[in-house]
């Protein structure tokens, strides 16, 4: 924090804010990347749909997409 460079100070503040999470990750090697991936996929479905008639249809599309289900009979 003794640096005169603002970007360095900003970086140090960010690291201090996230210190607990960074230490937890280094100890346990667990992240929320999988959940973020599902959230991203759901947002993409929502954006492409331009609205569903009801929540049941929206939920079904999410389950088919995220579950990688196929409608074709095997």
C-alpha atoms as a PDB file:
ATOM      1  CA  UNK A   1       0.000   0.000   0.000  1.00  0.00           C
ATOM      2  CA  UNK A   2       3.046   2.253   0.124  1.00  0.00           C
ATOM      3  CA  UNK A   3       3.206   2.303  -3.655  1.00  0.00           C
ATOM      4  CA  UNK A   4       2.402   5.564  -5.401  1.00  0.00           C
ATOM      5  CA  UNK A   5       0.816   3.695  -8.301  1.00  0.00           C
ATOM      6  CA  UNK A   6      -2.980   3.640  -8.059  1.00  0.00           C
ATOM      7  CA  UNK A   7      -3.391   0.375 -10.041  1.00  0.00           C
ATOM      8  CA  UNK A   8      -1.095  -1.397  -7.563  1.00  0.00           C
ATOM      9  CA  UNK A   9      -3.064  -0.029  -4.594  1.00  0.00           C
ATOM     10  CA  UNK A  10      -6.310  -1.090  -6.268  1.00  0.00           C
ATOM     11  CA  UNK A  11      -4.944  -4.614  -6.771  1.00  0.00           C
ATOM     12  CA  UNK A  12      -3.838  -4.890  -3.150  1.00  0.00           C
ATOM     13  CA  UNK A  13      -7.276  -3.760  -1.934  1.00  0.00           C
ATOM     14  CA  UNK A  14      -8.945  -6.359  -4.156  1.00  0.00           C
ATOM     15  CA  UNK A  15      -6.689  -9.128  -2.836  1.00  0.00           C
ATOM     16  CA  UNK A  16      -7.430  -8.102   0.748  1.00  0.00           C
ATOM     17  CA  UNK A  17     -11.197  -8.110   0.085  1.00  0.00           C
ATOM     18  CA  UNK A  18     -10.999 -11.649  -1.330  1.00  0.00           C
ATOM     19  CA  UNK A  19      -8.326 -12.971   1.028  1.00  0.00           C
ATOM     20  CA  UNK A  20     -10.572 -15.505   2.778  1.00  0.00           C
ATOM     21  CA  UNK A  21     -11.848 -16.986  -0.486  1.00  0.00           C
ATOM     22  CA  UNK A  22      -8.349 -17.155  -1.964  1.00  0.00           C
ATOM     23  CA  UNK A  23      -7.021 -18.964   1.097  1.00  0.00           C
ATOM     24  CA  UNK A  24      -9.981 -21.370   1.078  1.00  0.00           C
ATOM     25  CA  UNK A  25      -9.365 -22.220  -2.570  1.00  0.00           C
ATOM     26  CA  UNK A  26      -5.658 -22.795  -2.017  1.00  0.00           C
ATOM     27  CA  UNK A  27      -6.446 -25.151   0.869  1.00  0.00           C
ATOM     28  CA  UNK A  28      -9.467 -27.074  -0.537  1.00  0.00           C
ATOM     29  CA  UNK A  29      -9.168 -26.672  -4.350  1.00  0.00           C
ATOM     30  CA  UNK A  30     -12.933 -26.227  -4.721  1.00  0.00           C
ATOM     31  CA  UNK A  31     -14.573 -23.489  -6.783  1.00  0.00           C
ATOM     32  CA  UNK A  32     -18.058 -22.561  -7.961  1.00  0.00           C
ATOM     33  CA  UNK A  33     -17.102 -22.834 -11.650  1.00  0.00           C
ATOM     34  CA  UNK A  34     -19.633 -25.601 -12.297  1.00  0.00           C
ATOM     35  CA  UNK A  35     -22.511 -23.559 -10.847  1.00  0.00           C
ATOM     36  CA  UNK A  36     -21.429 -20.519 -12.861  1.00  0.00           C
ATOM     37  CA  UNK A  37     -21.430 -22.654 -16.003  1.00  0.00           C
ATOM     38  CA  UNK A  38     -24.998 -23.806 -15.370  1.00  0.00           C
ATOM     39  CA  UNK A  39     -26.090 -20.224 -14.677  1.00  0.00           C
ATOM     40  CA  UNK A  40     -24.525 -19.114 -17.951  1.00  0.00           C
ATOM     41  CA  UNK A  41     -26.312 -21.879 -19.872  1.00  0.00           C
ATOM     42  CA  UNK A  42     -29.650 -20.956 -18.268  1.00  0.00           C
ATOM     43  CA  UNK A  43     -29.179 -17.277 -19.138  1.00  0.00           C
ATOM     44  CA  UNK A  44     -28.429 -18.274 -22.747  1.00  0.00           C
ATOM     45  CA  UNK A  45     -31.633 -20.337 -22.914  1.00  0.00           C
ATOM     46  CA  UNK A  46     -33.585 -17.398 -21.495  1.00  0.00           C
ATOM     47  CA  UNK A  47     -32.070 -14.957 -23.988  1.00  0.00           C
ATOM     48  CA  UNK A  48     -32.685 -17.215 -26.996  1.00  0.00           C
ATOM     49  CA  UNK A  49     -36.272 -18.014 -26.002  1.00  0.00           C
ATOM     50  CA  UNK A  50     -37.501 -14.403 -25.902  1.00  0.00           C
ATOM     51  CA  UNK A  51     -40.062 -15.467 -23.330  1.00  0.00           C
ATOM     52  CA  UNK A  52     -41.917 -18.651 -22.450  1.00  0.00           C
ATOM     53  CA  UNK A  53     -45.655 -19.031 -22.109  1.00  0.00           C
ATOM     54  CA  UNK A  54     -45.236 -20.519 -18.652  1.00  0.00           C
ATOM     55  CA  UNK A  55     -42.583 -21.576 -16.158  1.00  0.00           C
ATOM     56  CA  UNK A  56     -43.138 -25.299 -16.868  1.00  0.00           C
ATOM     57  CA  UNK A  57     -41.890 -24.914 -20.452  1.00  0.00           C
ATOM     58  CA  UNK A  58     -38.906 -22.847 -19.300  1.00  0.00           C
ATOM     59  CA  UNK A  59     -37.994 -25.430 -16.670  1.00  0.00           C
ATOM     60  CA  UNK A  60     -38.308 -28.298 -19.170  1.00  0.00           C
ATOM     61  CA  UNK A  61     -35.963 -26.574 -21.609  1.00  0.00           C
ATOM     62  CA  UNK A  62     -33.389 -25.972 -18.854  1.00  0.00           C
ATOM     63  CA  UNK A  63     -33.548 -29.620 -17.760  1.00  0.00           C
ATOM     64  CA  UNK A  64     -33.148 -30.884 -21.335  1.00  0.00           C
ATOM     65  CA  UNK A  65     -30.246 -28.568 -22.081  1.00  0.00           C
ATOM     66  CA  UNK A  66     -28.322 -28.852 -18.801  1.00  0.00           C
ATOM     67  CA  UNK A  67     -29.023 -32.578 -18.484  1.00  0.00           C
ATOM     68  CA  UNK A  68     -27.851 -33.123 -22.067  1.00  0.00           C
ATOM     69  CA  UNK A  69     -30.996 -35.127 -22.778  1.00  0.00           C
ATOM     70  CA  UNK A  70     -31.986 -36.178 -26.277  1.00  0.00           C
ATOM     71  CA  UNK A  71     -35.564 -36.581 -27.522  1.00  0.00           C
ATOM     72  CA  UNK A  72     -34.564 -39.247 -30.081  1.00  0.00           C
ATOM     73  CA  UNK A  73     -35.536 -42.779 -29.163  1.00  0.00           C
ATOM     74  CA  UNK A  74     -32.578 -45.123 -28.792  1.00  0.00           C
END
